[in-house]
Amino acid sequence: MNEYEEIQFPALNYMVAEANYGGRVTDDKDRRLITVILKDFYCEAAVSDDYKYSESGVYFCPPDGPFESYLEFIKELPMNEKPEVFGMHENAQISAAILES
């Protein structure tokens, strides 16, 4: 990746969705879902300052800074992520809780 001038988003998506997580996911529909979700994270728009991963604006890529600034950013995120960060409706959280119980 360091050999390219531009960020190779398709390669990043493949490495994470297929190689990293895809190797652990046995269902082809789940693997496809991972690929689709990651396209919202690994895209050209994600590196702009005004891009948000969710409608609420809670989830976004932090600005460049020292390592400590990233740790502070992570600490400020909600303890339990909302389904919106994955592009899902709030009812997805209810369905997951019902299945878990």
PDB file of N, CA and C in Angstrom:
ATOM      1  N   MET A   1       0.819  -1.194   0.000  1.00  0.00           N
ATOM      2  CA  MET A   1       0.000   0.000   0.000  1.00  0.00           C
ATOM      3  C   MET A   1       0.866   1.262   0.000  1.00  0.00           C
ATOM      4  N   ASN A   2       2.011   1.192   0.627  1.00  0.00           N
ATOM      5  CA  ASN A   2       2.883   2.362   0.705  1.00  0.00           C
ATOM      6  C   ASN A   2       3.501   2.722  -0.640  1.00  0.00           C
ATOM      7  N   GLU A   3       3.431   1.845  -1.608  1.00  0.00           N
ATOM      8  CA  GLU A   3       4.027   2.090  -2.914  1.00  0.00           C
ATOM      9  C   GLU A   3       3.129   2.924  -3.831  1.00  0.00           C
ATOM     10  N   TYR A   4       1.902   3.210  -3.415  1.00  0.00           N
ATOM     11  CA  TYR A   4       0.948   3.937  -4.253  1.00  0.00           C
ATOM     12  C   TYR A   4       0.797   5.370  -3.777  1.00  0.00           C
ATOM     13  N   GLU A   5       0.577   6.255  -4.730  1.00  0.00           N
ATOM     14  CA  GLU A   5       0.326   7.661  -4.419  1.00  0.00           C
ATOM     15  C   GLU A   5      -1.051   7.845  -3.799  1.00  0.00           C
ATOM     16  N   GLU A   6      -2.031   7.110  -4.310  1.00  0.00           N
ATOM     17  CA  GLU A   6      -3.412   7.231  -3.860  1.00  0.00           C
ATOM     18  C   GLU A   6      -3.799   6.017  -3.011  1.00  0.00           C
ATOM     19  N   ILE A   7      -4.780   6.203  -2.181  1.00  0.00           N
ATOM     20  CA  ILE A   7      -5.266   5.108  -1.348  1.00  0.00           C
ATOM     21  C   ILE A   7      -5.984   4.093  -2.236  1.00  0.00           C
ATOM     22  N   GLN A   8      -5.654   2.846  -2.067  1.00  0.00           N
ATOM     23  CA  GLN A   8      -6.242   1.766  -2.862  1.00  0.00           C
ATOM     24  C   GLN A   8      -7.445   1.181  -2.128  1.00  0.00           C
ATOM     25  N   PHE A   9      -8.581   1.866  -2.231  1.00  0.00           N
ATOM     26  CA  PHE A   9      -9.776   1.469  -1.496  1.00  0.00           C
ATOM     27  C   PHE A   9     -10.274   0.066  -1.851  1.00  0.00           C
ATOM     28  N   PRO A  10     -10.322  -0.302  -3.138  1.00  0.00           N
ATOM     29  CA  PRO A  10     -10.772  -1.668  -3.446  1.00  0.00           C
ATOM     30  C   PRO A  10      -9.864  -2.739  -2.815  1.00  0.00           C
ATOM     31  N   ALA A  11      -8.568  -2.481  -2.778  1.00  0.00           N
ATOM     32  CA  ALA A  11      -7.643  -3.441  -2.172  1.00  0.00           C
ATOM     33  C   ALA A  11      -7.861  -3.527  -0.664  1.00  0.00           C
ATOM     34  N   LEU A  12      -8.086  -2.388  -0.021  1.00  0.00           N
ATOM     35  CA  LEU A  12      -8.366  -2.382   1.418  1.00  0.00           C
ATOM     36  C   LEU A  12      -9.640  -3.170   1.716  1.00  0.00           C
ATOM     37  N   ASN A  13     -10.663  -2.910   0.920  1.00  0.00           N
ATOM     38  CA  ASN A  13     -11.924  -3.615   1.114  1.00  0.00           C
ATOM     39  C   ASN A  13     -11.724  -5.116   0.971  1.00  0.00           C
ATOM     40  N   TYR A  14     -11.004  -5.520  -0.047  1.00  0.00           N
ATOM     41  CA  TYR A  14     -10.779  -6.950  -0.260  1.00  0.00           C
ATOM     42  C   TYR A  14      -9.979  -7.552   0.896  1.00  0.00           C
ATOM     43  N   MET A  15      -8.923  -6.874   1.329  1.00  0.00           N
ATOM     44  CA  MET A  15      -8.079  -7.404   2.402  1.00  0.00           C
ATOM     45  C   MET A  15      -8.878  -7.626   3.686  1.00  0.00           C
ATOM     46  N   VAL A  16      -9.738  -6.688   4.012  1.00  0.00           N
ATOM     47  CA  VAL A  16     -10.493  -6.805   5.259  1.00  0.00           C
ATOM     48  C   VAL A  16     -11.701  -7.722   5.095  1.00  0.00           C
ATOM     49  N   ALA A  17     -12.502  -7.497   4.053  1.00  0.00           N
ATOM     50  CA  ALA A  17     -13.747  -8.248   3.892  1.00  0.00           C
ATOM     51  C   ALA A  17     -13.506  -9.704   3.511  1.00  0.00           C
ATOM     52  N   GLU A  18     -12.571  -9.953   2.648  1.00  0.00           N
ATOM     53  CA  GLU A  18     -12.359 -11.314   2.154  1.00  0.00           C
ATOM     54  C   GLU A  18     -11.242 -12.038   2.906  1.00  0.00           C
ATOM     55  N   ALA A  19     -10.098 -11.395   3.049  1.00  0.00           N
ATOM     56  CA  ALA A  19      -8.949 -12.076   3.647  1.00  0.00           C
ATOM     57  C   ALA A  19      -9.050 -12.151   5.165  1.00  0.00           C
ATOM     58  N   ASN A  20      -9.326 -11.023   5.811  1.00  0.00           N
ATOM     59  CA  ASN A  20      -9.344 -10.995   7.271  1.00  0.00           C
ATOM     60  C   ASN A  20     -10.617 -11.605   7.842  1.00  0.00           C
ATOM     61  N   TYR A  21     -11.753 -10.942   7.607  1.00  0.00           N
ATOM     62  CA  TYR A  21     -13.024 -11.438   8.143  1.00  0.00           C
ATOM     63  C   TYR A  21     -13.622 -12.534   7.287  1.00  0.00           C
ATOM     64  N   GLY A  22     -13.458 -12.426   5.998  1.00  0.00           N
ATOM     65  CA  GLY A  22     -14.057 -13.393   5.089  1.00  0.00           C
ATOM     66  C   GLY A  22     -13.598 -14.812   5.343  1.00  0.00           C
ATOM     67  N   GLY A  23     -12.373 -14.967   5.805  1.00  0.00           N
ATOM     68  CA  GLY A  23     -11.872 -16.288   6.118  1.00  0.00           C
ATOM     69  C   GLY A  23     -12.574 -16.919   7.303  1.00  0.00           C
ATOM     70  N   ARG A  24     -13.210 -16.104   8.132  1.00  0.00           N
ATOM     71  CA  ARG A  24     -13.906 -16.603   9.316  1.00  0.00           C
ATOM     72  C   ARG A  24     -15.414 -16.717   9.098  1.00  0.00           C
ATOM     73  N   VAL A  25     -15.891 -16.126   8.020  1.00  0.00           N
ATOM     74  CA  VAL A  25     -17.321 -16.131   7.733  1.00  0.00           C
ATOM     75  C   VAL A  25     -17.598 -17.228   6.710  1.00  0.00           C
ATOM     76  N   THR A  26     -18.461 -18.150   7.066  1.00  0.00           N
ATOM     77  CA  THR A  26     -18.717 -19.280   6.173  1.00  0.00           C
ATOM     78  C   THR A  26     -19.940 -19.074   5.288  1.00  0.00           C
ATOM     79  N   ASP A  27     -20.848 -18.194   5.685  1.00  0.00           N
ATOM     80  CA  ASP A  27     -22.059 -17.954   4.903  1.00  0.00           C
ATOM     81  C   ASP A  27     -21.768 -16.926   3.817  1.00  0.00           C
ATOM     82  N   ASP A  28     -22.078 -17.243   2.570  1.00  0.00           N
ATOM     83  CA  ASP A  28     -21.772 -16.337   1.462  1.00  0.00           C
ATOM     84  C   ASP A  28     -22.551 -15.031   1.549  1.00  0.00           C
ATOM     85  N   LYS A  29     -23.743 -15.056   2.118  1.00  0.00           N
ATOM     86  CA  LYS A  29     -24.524 -13.818   2.258  1.00  0.00           C
ATOM     87  C   LYS A  29     -23.914 -12.910   3.325  1.00  0.00           C
ATOM     88  N   ASP A  30     -23.399 -13.489   4.394  1.00  0.00           N
ATOM     89  CA  ASP A  30     -22.719 -12.698   5.422  1.00  0.00           C
ATOM     90  C   ASP A  30     -21.437 -12.081   4.869  1.00  0.00           C
ATOM     91  N   ARG A  31     -20.707 -12.837   4.056  1.00  0.00           N
ATOM     92  CA  ARG A  31     -19.480 -12.315   3.454  1.00  0.00           C
ATOM     93  C   ARG A  31     -19.802 -11.151   2.514  1.00  0.00           C
ATOM     94  N   ARG A  32     -20.895 -11.277   1.765  1.00  0.00           N
ATOM     95  CA  ARG A  32     -21.315 -10.201   0.874  1.00  0.00           C
ATOM     96  C   ARG A  32     -21.713  -8.968   1.683  1.00  0.00           C
ATOM     97  N   LEU A  33     -22.406  -9.179   2.807  1.00  0.00           N
ATOM     98  CA  LEU A  33     -22.804  -8.073   3.670  1.00  0.00           C
ATOM     99  C   LEU A  33     -21.589  -7.321   4.209  1.00  0.00           C
ATOM    100  N   ILE A  34     -20.571  -8.045   4.637  1.00  0.00           N
ATOM    101  CA  ILE A  34     -19.347  -7.409   5.128  1.00  0.00           C
ATOM    102  C   ILE A  34     -18.736  -6.534   4.035  1.00  0.00           C
ATOM    103  N   THR A  35     -18.682  -7.056   2.832  1.00  0.00           N
ATOM    104  CA  THR A  35     -18.114  -6.298   1.706  1.00  0.00           C
ATOM    105  C   THR A  35     -18.901  -5.022   1.449  1.00  0.00           C
ATOM    106  N   VAL A  36     -20.222  -5.116   1.478  1.00  0.00           N
ATOM    107  CA  VAL A  36     -21.075  -3.950   1.221  1.00  0.00           C
ATOM    108  C   VAL A  36     -20.929  -2.915   2.336  1.00  0.00           C
ATOM    109  N   ILE A  37     -20.937  -3.353   3.588  1.00  0.00           N
ATOM    110  CA  ILE A  37     -20.794  -2.423   4.709  1.00  0.00           C
ATOM    111  C   ILE A  37     -19.453  -1.704   4.641  1.00  0.00           C
ATOM    112  N   LEU A  38     -18.387  -2.435   4.339  1.00  0.00           N
ATOM    113  CA  LEU A  38     -17.057  -1.821   4.310  1.00  0.00           C
ATOM    114  C   LEU A  38     -16.877  -0.824   3.174  1.00  0.00           C
ATOM    115  N   LYS A  39     -17.708  -0.913   2.135  1.00  0.00           N
ATOM    116  CA  LYS A  39     -17.605   0.074   1.054  1.00  0.00           C
ATOM    117  C   LYS A  39     -17.959   1.472   1.537  1.00  0.00           C
ATOM    118  N   ASP A  40     -18.740   1.577   2.616  1.00  0.00           N
ATOM    119  CA  ASP A  40     -19.031   2.883   3.203  1.00  0.00           C
ATOM    120  C   ASP A  40     -17.851   3.407   4.017  1.00  0.00           C
ATOM    121  N   PHE A  41     -17.014   2.504   4.484  1.00  0.00           N
ATOM    122  CA  PHE A  41     -15.866   2.895   5.303  1.00  0.00           C
ATOM    123  C   PHE A  41     -14.620   3.120   4.461  1.00  0.00           C
ATOM    124  N   TYR A  42     -14.402   2.280   3.471  1.00  0.00           N
ATOM    125  CA  TYR A  42     -13.233   2.386   2.602  1.00  0.00           C
ATOM    126  C   TYR A  42     -13.655   3.013   1.279  1.00  0.00           C
ATOM    127  N   CYS A  43     -13.770   4.324   1.278  1.00  0.00           N
ATOM    128  CA  CYS A  43     -14.159   5.041   0.061  1.00  0.00           C
ATOM    129  C   CYS A  43     -13.476   6.405   0.060  1.00  0.00           C
ATOM    130  N   GLU A  44     -13.433   7.006  -1.101  1.00  0.00           N
ATOM    131  CA  GLU A  44     -12.774   8.311  -1.272  1.00  0.00           C
ATOM    132  C   GLU A  44     -13.410   9.374  -0.383  1.00  0.00           C
ATOM    133  N   ALA A  45     -14.725   9.345  -0.257  1.00  0.00           N
ATOM    134  CA  ALA A  45     -15.424  10.355   0.540  1.00  0.00           C
ATOM    135  C   ALA A  45     -15.051  10.280   2.020  1.00  0.00           C
ATOM    136  N   ALA A  46     -14.672   9.094   2.499  1.00  0.00           N
ATOM    137  CA  ALA A  46     -14.382   8.908   3.928  1.00  0.00           C
ATOM    138  C   ALA A  46     -13.190   9.723   4.402  1.00  0.00           C
ATOM    139  N   VAL A  47     -12.312  10.119   3.509  1.00  0.00           N
ATOM    140  CA  VAL A  47     -11.135  10.889   3.925  1.00  0.00           C
ATOM    141  C   VAL A  47     -11.388  12.392   3.900  1.00  0.00           C
ATOM    142  N   SER A  48     -12.591  12.815   3.527  1.00  0.00           N
ATOM    143  CA  SER A  48     -12.911  14.243   3.571  1.00  0.00           C
ATOM    144  C   SER A  48     -13.357  14.614   4.987  1.00  0.00           C
ATOM    145  N   ASP A  49     -13.219  15.871   5.332  1.00  0.00           N
ATOM    146  CA  ASP A  49     -13.519  16.326   6.694  1.00  0.00           C
ATOM    147  C   ASP A  49     -14.993  16.279   7.054  1.00  0.00           C
ATOM    148  N   ASP A  50     -15.873  16.351   6.063  1.00  0.00           N
ATOM    149  CA  ASP A  50     -17.298  16.419   6.371  1.00  0.00           C
ATOM    150  C   ASP A  50     -18.044  15.088   6.195  1.00  0.00           C
ATOM    151  N   TYR A  51     -17.320  14.002   5.959  1.00  0.00           N
ATOM    152  CA  TYR A  51     -17.957  12.693   5.768  1.00  0.00           C
ATOM    153  C   TYR A  51     -18.311  12.076   7.117  1.00  0.00           C
ATOM    154  N   LYS A  52     -19.529  11.603   7.230  1.00  0.00           N
ATOM    155  CA  LYS A  52     -19.997  10.928   8.447  1.00  0.00           C
ATOM    156  C   LYS A  52     -20.419   9.517   8.081  1.00  0.00           C
ATOM    157  N   TYR A  53     -20.123   8.583   8.950  1.00  0.00           N
ATOM    158  CA  TYR A  53     -20.507   7.193   8.717  1.00  0.00           C
ATOM    159  C   TYR A  53     -21.961   6.921   9.078  1.00  0.00           C
ATOM    160  N   SER A  54     -22.583   7.862   9.775  1.00  0.00           N
ATOM    161  CA  SER A  54     -23.971   7.669  10.194  1.00  0.00           C
ATOM    162  C   SER A  54     -24.732   8.976  10.064  1.00  0.00           C
ATOM    163  N   GLU A  55     -26.047   8.873   9.997  1.00  0.00           N
ATOM    164  CA  GLU A  55     -26.889  10.063   9.859  1.00  0.00           C
ATOM    165  C   GLU A  55     -26.788  10.982  11.064  1.00  0.00           C
ATOM    166  N   SER A  56     -26.603  10.421  12.243  1.00  0.00           N
ATOM    167  CA  SER A  56     -26.532  11.240  13.453  1.00  0.00           C
ATOM    168  C   SER A  56     -25.240  12.051  13.517  1.00  0.00           C
ATOM    169  N   GLY A  57     -24.226  11.639  12.774  1.00  0.00           N
ATOM    170  CA  GLY A  57     -22.950  12.338  12.799  1.00  0.00           C
ATOM    171  C   GLY A  57     -22.047  11.913  13.939  1.00  0.00           C
ATOM    172  N   VAL A  58     -22.470  10.933  14.727  1.00  0.00           N
ATOM    173  CA  VAL A  58     -21.667  10.459  15.857  1.00  0.00           C
ATOM    174  C   VAL A  58     -20.416   9.739  15.367  1.00  0.00           C
ATOM    175  N   TYR A  59     -20.565   9.008  14.286  1.00  0.00           N
ATOM    176  CA  TYR A  59     -19.457   8.202  13.782  1.00  0.00           C
ATOM    177  C   TYR A  59     -18.818   8.878  12.572  1.00  0.00           C
ATOM    178  N   PHE A  60     -17.532   9.173  12.703  1.00  0.00           N
ATOM    179  CA  PHE A  60     -16.776   9.791  11.612  1.00  0.00           C
ATOM    180  C   PHE A  60     -15.302   9.493  11.817  1.00  0.00           C
ATOM    181  N   CYS A  61     -14.521   9.744  10.790  1.00  0.00           N
ATOM    182  CA  CYS A  61     -13.080   9.523  10.860  1.00  0.00           C
ATOM    183  C   CYS A  61     -12.449  10.721  11.570  1.00  0.00           C
ATOM    184  N   PRO A  62     -11.692  10.499  12.633  1.00  0.00           N
ATOM    185  CA  PRO A  62     -11.106  11.634  13.353  1.00  0.00           C
ATOM    186  C   PRO A  62     -10.044  12.331  12.510  1.00  0.00           C
ATOM    187  N   PRO A  63      -9.799  13.593  12.785  1.00  0.00           N
ATOM    188  CA  PRO A  63      -8.759  14.315  12.039  1.00  0.00           C
ATOM    189  C   PRO A  63      -7.370  13.785  12.394  1.00  0.00           C
ATOM    190  N   ASP A  64      -6.419  14.051  11.511  1.00  0.00           N
ATOM    191  CA  ASP A  64      -5.039  13.653  11.791  1.00  0.00           C
ATOM    192  C   ASP A  64      -4.575  14.278  13.095  1.00  0.00           C
ATOM    193  N   GLY A  65      -3.780  13.534  13.812  1.00  0.00           N
ATOM    194  CA  GLY A  65      -3.266  14.043  15.070  1.00  0.00           C
ATOM    195  C   GLY A  65      -2.350  13.024  15.717  1.00  0.00           C
ATOM    196  N   PRO A  66      -1.885  13.344  16.895  1.00  0.00           N
ATOM    197  CA  PRO A  66      -1.029  12.390  17.606  1.00  0.00           C
ATOM    198  C   PRO A  66      -1.832  11.178  18.070  1.00  0.00           C
ATOM    199  N   PHE A  67      -1.142  10.122  18.406  1.00  0.00           N
ATOM    200  CA  PHE A  67      -1.769   8.865  18.814  1.00  0.00           C
ATOM    201  C   PHE A  67      -2.772   9.080  19.941  1.00  0.00           C
ATOM    202  N   GLU A  68      -2.430   9.922  20.894  1.00  0.00           N
ATOM    203  CA  GLU A  68      -3.306  10.168  22.043  1.00  0.00           C
ATOM    204  C   GLU A  68      -4.646  10.751  21.621  1.00  0.00           C
ATOM    205  N   SER A  69      -4.649  11.554  20.549  1.00  0.00           N
ATOM    206  CA  SER A  69      -5.904  12.146  20.086  1.00  0.00           C
ATOM    207  C   SER A  69      -6.858  11.070  19.579  1.00  0.00           C
ATOM    208  N   TYR A  70      -6.327  10.002  18.994  1.00  0.00           N
ATOM    209  CA  TYR A  70      -7.170   8.898  18.526  1.00  0.00           C
ATOM    210  C   TYR A  70      -7.751   8.133  19.713  1.00  0.00           C
ATOM    211  N   LEU A  71      -6.937   7.938  20.739  1.00  0.00           N
ATOM    212  CA  LEU A  71      -7.438   7.264  21.937  1.00  0.00           C
ATOM    213  C   LEU A  71      -8.566   8.059  22.578  1.00  0.00           C
ATOM    214  N   GLU A  72      -8.422   9.376  22.655  1.00  0.00           N
ATOM    215  CA  GLU A  72      -9.477  10.226  23.215  1.00  0.00           C
ATOM    216  C   GLU A  72     -10.739  10.159  22.370  1.00  0.00           C
ATOM    217  N   PHE A  73     -10.559  10.155  21.050  1.00  0.00           N
ATOM    218  CA  PHE A  73     -11.704  10.053  20.143  1.00  0.00           C
ATOM    219  C   PHE A  73     -12.464   8.749  20.396  1.00  0.00           C
ATOM    220  N   ILE A  74     -11.735   7.655  20.517  1.00  0.00           N
ATOM    221  CA  ILE A  74     -12.356   6.345  20.740  1.00  0.00           C
ATOM    222  C   ILE A  74     -13.091   6.313  22.075  1.00  0.00           C
ATOM    223  N   LYS A  75     -12.520   6.922  23.096  1.00  0.00           N
ATOM    224  CA  LYS A  75     -13.155   6.940  24.419  1.00  0.00           C
ATOM    225  C   LYS A  75     -14.471   7.706  24.406  1.00  0.00           C
ATOM    226  N   GLU A  76     -14.623   8.652  23.489  1.00  0.00           N
ATOM    227  CA  GLU A  76     -15.839   9.461  23.402  1.00  0.00           C
ATOM    228  C   GLU A  76     -16.964   8.774  22.624  1.00  0.00           C
ATOM    229  N   LEU A  77     -16.651   7.701  21.917  1.00  0.00           N
ATOM    230  CA  LEU A  77     -17.681   6.986  21.163  1.00  0.00           C
ATOM    231  C   LEU A  77     -18.627   6.280  22.130  1.00  0.00           C
ATOM    232  N   PRO A  78     -19.876   6.047  21.706  1.00  0.00           N
ATOM    233  CA  PRO A  78     -20.821   5.346  22.582  1.00  0.00           C
ATOM    234  C   PRO A  78     -20.306   3.949  22.948  1.00  0.00           C
ATOM    235  N   MET A  79     -20.576   3.533  24.168  1.00  0.00           N
ATOM    236  CA  MET A  79     -20.126   2.215  24.629  1.00  0.00           C
ATOM    237  C   MET A  79     -20.739   1.098  23.790  1.00  0.00           C
ATOM    238  N   ASN A  80     -22.008   1.226  23.467  1.00  0.00           N
ATOM    239  CA  ASN A  80     -22.693   0.259  22.612  1.00  0.00           C
ATOM    240  C   ASN A  80     -23.024   0.941  21.288  1.00  0.00           C
ATOM    241  N   GLU A  81     -22.431   0.429  20.219  1.00  0.00           N
ATOM    242  CA  GLU A  81     -22.647   1.050  18.915  1.00  0.00           C
ATOM    243  C   GLU A  81     -24.095   0.905  18.484  1.00  0.00           C
ATOM    244  N   LYS A  82     -24.544   1.898  17.757  1.00  0.00           N
ATOM    245  CA  LYS A  82     -25.912   1.885  17.241  1.00  0.00           C
ATOM    246  C   LYS A  82     -25.904   1.229  15.862  1.00  0.00           C
ATOM    247  N   PRO A  83     -27.008   0.582  15.485  1.00  0.00           N
ATOM    248  CA  PRO A  83     -27.063  -0.081  14.179  1.00  0.00           C
ATOM    249  C   PRO A  83     -26.847   0.879  13.003  1.00  0.00           C
ATOM    250  N   GLU A  84     -27.088   2.163  13.217  1.00  0.00           N
ATOM    251  CA  GLU A  84     -26.949   3.131  12.117  1.00  0.00           C
ATOM    252  C   GLU A  84     -25.531   3.171  11.562  1.00  0.00           C
ATOM    253  N   VAL A  85     -24.546   2.869  12.370  1.00  0.00           N
ATOM    254  CA  VAL A  85     -23.175   2.903  11.872  1.00  0.00           C
ATOM    255  C   VAL A  85     -22.937   1.828  10.823  1.00  0.00           C
ATOM    256  N   PHE A  86     -23.760   0.779  10.843  1.00  0.00           N
ATOM    257  CA  PHE A  86     -23.666  -0.280   9.847  1.00  0.00           C
ATOM    258  C   PHE A  86     -24.717  -0.129   8.757  1.00  0.00           C
ATOM    259  N   GLY A  87     -25.429   1.007   8.759  1.00  0.00           N
ATOM    260  CA  GLY A  87     -26.451   1.252   7.752  1.00  0.00           C
ATOM    261  C   GLY A  87     -27.725   0.482   8.002  1.00  0.00           C
ATOM    262  N   MET A  88     -27.945   0.087   9.245  1.00  0.00           N
ATOM    263  CA  MET A  88     -29.134  -0.697   9.574  1.00  0.00           C
ATOM    264  C   MET A  88     -30.131   0.119  10.381  1.00  0.00           C
ATOM    265  N   HIS A  89     -31.376  -0.313  10.342  1.00  0.00           N
ATOM    266  CA  HIS A  89     -32.448   0.339  11.082  1.00  0.00           C
ATOM    267  C   HIS A  89     -32.298   0.038  12.569  1.00  0.00           C
ATOM    268  N   GLU A  90     -32.850   0.912  13.421  1.00  0.00           N
ATOM    269  CA  GLU A  90     -32.757   0.709  14.866  1.00  0.00           C
ATOM    270  C   GLU A  90     -33.384  -0.600  15.321  1.00  0.00           C
ATOM    271  N   ASN A  91     -34.356  -1.099  14.571  1.00  0.00           N
ATOM    272  CA  ASN A  91     -34.977  -2.370  14.932  1.00  0.00           C
ATOM    273  C   ASN A  91     -33.990  -3.545  14.864  1.00  0.00           C
ATOM    274  N   ALA A  92     -32.887  -3.372  14.156  1.00  0.00           N
ATOM    275  CA  ALA A  92     -31.882  -4.434  14.103  1.00  0.00           C
ATOM    276  C   ALA A  92     -31.327  -4.704  15.494  1.00  0.00           C
ATOM    277  N   GLN A  93     -31.197  -3.669  16.289  1.00  0.00           N
ATOM    278  CA  GLN A  93     -30.701  -3.837  17.657  1.00  0.00           C
ATOM    279  C   GLN A  93     -31.716  -4.594  18.505  1.00  0.00           C
ATOM    280  N   ILE A  94     -32.982  -4.309  18.319  1.00  0.00           N
ATOM    281  CA  ILE A  94     -34.045  -5.005  19.049  1.00  0.00           C
ATOM    282  C   ILE A  94     -34.062  -6.478  18.652  1.00  0.00           C
ATOM    283  N   SER A  95     -33.980  -6.747  17.360  1.00  0.00           N
ATOM    284  CA  SER A  95     -33.970  -8.139  16.886  1.00  0.00           C
ATOM    285  C   SER A  95     -32.771  -8.900  17.442  1.00  0.00           C
ATOM    286  N   ALA A  96     -31.611  -8.256  17.466  1.00  0.00           N
ATOM    287  CA  ALA A  96     -30.420  -8.919  17.997  1.00  0.00           C
ATOM    288  C   ALA A  96     -30.578  -9.213  19.483  1.00  0.00           C
ATOM    289  N   ALA A  97     -31.156  -8.282  20.236  1.00  0.00           N
ATOM    290  CA  ALA A  97     -31.365  -8.483  21.681  1.00  0.00           C
ATOM    291  C   ALA A  97     -32.341  -9.628  21.936  1.00  0.00           C
ATOM    292  N   ILE A  98     -33.368  -9.716  21.114  1.00  0.00           N
ATOM    293  CA  ILE A  98     -34.352 -10.807  21.271  1.00  0.00           C
ATOM    294  C   ILE A  98     -33.677 -12.149  21.006  1.00  0.00           C
ATOM    295  N   LEU A  99     -32.890 -12.225  19.937  1.00  0.00           N
ATOM    296  CA  LEU A  99     -32.195 -13.472  19.628  1.00  0.00           C
ATOM    297  C   LEU A  99     -31.193 -13.844  20.707  1.00  0.00           C
ATOM    298  N   GLU A 100     -30.512 -12.844  21.260  1.00  0.00           N
ATOM    299  CA  GLU A 100     -29.506 -13.097  22.283  1.00  0.00           C
ATOM    300  C   GLU A 100     -30.136 -13.618  23.568  1.00  0.00           C
ATOM    301  N   SER A 101     -31.321 -13.067  23.906  1.00  0.00           N
ATOM    302  CA  SER A 101     -31.965 -13.493  25.142  1.00  0.00           C
ATOM    303  C   SER A 101     -32.586 -14.866  24.964  1.00  0.00           C
TER     304      SER A 101
END
